[in-house]
Protein backbone atom coordinates (compact mmCIF):
# COMPACT_ATOMS: atom_id res chain seq x y z
CA MET A 1 21.74 16.71 -3.69
CA ASN A 2 22.78 13.58 -5.53
CA ARG A 3 20.88 10.30 -5.59
CA LYS A 4 23.22 8.50 -3.22
CA MET A 5 22.88 11.08 -0.44
CA LEU A 6 19.11 11.38 -0.92
CA THR A 7 18.71 7.60 -0.76
CA ILE A 8 20.79 7.38 2.43
CA ILE A 9 18.79 10.12 4.15
CA LEU A 10 15.38 8.76 3.13
CA ALA A 11 16.33 5.17 4.00
CA VAL A 12 17.26 6.30 7.51
CA VAL A 13 13.99 8.28 7.71
CA ILE A 14 11.95 5.20 6.76
CA ILE A 15 13.79 3.02 9.26
CA ALA A 16 13.37 5.64 12.02
CA GLY A 17 9.65 5.98 11.26
CA PHE A 18 9.24 2.28 11.95
CA PHE A 19 10.20 2.90 15.60
CA LEU A 20 8.10 6.06 16.11
CA PRO A 21 4.46 6.06 17.36
CA LEU A 22 1.87 5.13 14.74
CA SER A 23 -1.09 6.92 16.30
CA ASN A 24 -1.79 10.20 18.04
CA ALA A 25 -3.36 8.33 20.93
CA GLY A 26 0.06 7.37 22.25
CA GLY A 27 -0.05 3.89 20.82
CA GLY A 28 2.95 1.81 20.02
CA SER A 29 5.21 1.83 17.03
CA ALA A 30 5.18 -0.51 14.04
CA PHE A 31 7.96 -2.41 15.81
CA ASP A 32 5.57 -3.00 18.72
CA ALA A 33 2.83 -4.09 16.30
CA VAL A 34 5.15 -6.67 14.76
CA GLN A 35 6.16 -8.05 18.15
CA ALA A 36 2.66 -8.11 19.64
CA PRO A 37 0.78 -11.41 19.64
CA TYR A 38 -2.39 -11.17 17.59
CA PRO A 39 -5.53 -12.63 19.19
CA VAL A 40 -6.93 -13.32 15.73
CA SER A 41 -5.37 -16.13 13.79
CA GLY A 42 -5.35 -16.30 10.05
CA VAL A 43 -3.70 -14.98 6.96
CA GLU A 44 -4.68 -11.33 7.52
CA ALA A 45 -2.76 -11.00 10.82
CA ILE A 46 0.31 -12.67 9.36
CA LEU A 47 0.12 -10.51 6.23
CA MET A 48 -0.02 -7.33 8.27
CA LYS A 49 3.06 -8.33 10.27
CA TYR A 50 5.04 -9.05 7.11
CA LEU A 51 3.89 -5.82 5.50
CA TRP A 52 5.11 -3.87 8.51
CA ILE A 53 8.43 -5.71 8.40
CA LEU A 54 8.77 -4.96 4.68
CA VAL A 55 9.09 -1.22 5.33
CA PRO A 56 12.32 -1.18 7.42
CA VAL A 57 13.82 -4.06 5.42
CA SER A 58 13.38 -2.03 2.25
CA GLY A 59 14.95 0.97 3.97
CA LEU A 60 17.86 -1.15 5.17
CA LEU A 61 18.50 -2.61 1.71
CA LEU A 62 18.34 0.87 0.18
CA LEU A 63 20.85 2.09 2.76
CA ILE A 64 23.20 -0.84 2.13
CA GLY A 65 22.89 -0.40 -1.64
CA ALA A 66 23.62 3.33 -1.46
CA LEU A 67 26.67 2.77 0.73
CA ASN A 68 27.86 0.00 -1.61
CA LYS A 69 28.59 2.34 -4.54
CA GLU A 70 24.90 2.27 -5.54
CA GLN A 71 24.92 -1.46 -6.28
CA TYR A 72 21.39 -2.45 -5.30
CA ALA A 73 20.17 -6.03 -5.27
CA PRO A 74 17.96 -6.54 -7.30
CA ALA A 75 17.09 -2.90 -8.21
CA ARG A 76 16.73 0.46 -6.48
CA ILE A 77 13.26 1.08 -7.87
CA LEU A 78 11.92 -2.12 -6.29
CA TRP A 79 13.15 -1.20 -2.81
CA ALA A 80 11.99 2.41 -3.30
CA VAL A 81 8.40 1.51 -4.29
CA LEU A 82 7.83 -1.47 -1.98
CA PRO A 83 7.42 0.53 1.28
CA LEU A 84 4.91 2.84 -0.38
CA LEU A 85 2.86 -0.10 -1.67
CA ALA A 86 2.93 -1.80 1.74
CA LEU A 87 1.84 1.38 3.54
CA ALA A 88 -0.86 2.00 0.93
CA TYR A 89 -2.31 -1.45 1.58
CA ILE A 90 -2.13 -0.99 5.35
CA ILE A 91 -4.05 2.31 5.03
CA VAL A 92 -6.57 1.25 2.36
CA ARG A 93 -7.50 -2.10 3.91
CA PRO A 94 -9.46 -0.60 6.87
CA ILE A 95 -11.22 1.82 4.51
CA THR A 96 -12.62 -1.11 2.55
CA GLU A 97 -14.07 -2.43 5.79
CA GLY A 98 -15.97 0.78 6.53
CA PHE A 99 -13.58 3.06 8.42
CA LYS A 100 -13.76 6.74 7.49
CA ILE A 101 -10.63 8.14 5.86
CA GLY A 102 -10.94 11.45 7.74
CA ASP A 103 -10.96 9.74 11.12
CA MET A 104 -7.98 7.61 10.14
CA VAL A 105 -5.89 10.57 8.96
CA LYS A 106 -6.61 12.44 12.21
CA GLY A 107 -5.30 9.46 14.16
CA PHE A 108 -2.05 9.01 12.23
CA GLY A 109 0.99 9.47 14.43
CA VAL A 110 4.38 10.86 13.56
CA GLY A 111 5.78 7.43 12.68
CA LEU A 112 3.23 6.76 9.98
CA TRP A 113 3.59 10.26 8.51
CA VAL A 114 7.40 9.94 8.45
CA MET A 115 7.26 6.53 6.74
CA LEU A 116 4.68 7.78 4.22
CA ALA A 117 6.63 10.93 3.36
CA GLY A 118 9.96 9.12 3.04
CA SER A 119 8.57 6.31 0.92
CA LEU A 120 6.61 8.72 -1.29
CA ILE A 121 9.69 10.82 -2.02
CA LEU A 122 11.75 7.70 -2.69
CA ALA A 123 9.15 6.33 -5.09
CA ILE A 124 8.59 9.56 -7.05
CA TYR A 125 11.87 11.47 -7.09
CA HIS A 126 14.76 9.90 -8.99
CA PRO A 127 17.71 12.27 -9.41
CA LYS A 128 20.54 11.31 -11.72
CA LYS A 129 23.70 9.66 -10.47
CA ALA A 130 26.46 12.04 -9.47
């Protein structure tokens, strides 16, 4: 599979994961989290919203770049690594506040797993151009 096709597939996977449930408890998707009003004001709530938005935007720009004869703006590697970094922060931040990693992993829904897998493959695997 060439890089263009792999990028198209994984970009669609990342975008789709944004709309799938984030937790096993039947909670909402990341799209719902972005739209929900936060009762807490401050930088942390705003940062989390923008980090969630960063994931599908990166997927969309990867998709557009792959369909545009692999002309990415500014670079493919940036859009491939950004979703992984955003998801890593979203996962690590509660751990620093005392949540147990085992309990968090048990609660991850299909949407979070799909976004993590797609962004991890995009960040690590770089096949040559066809």
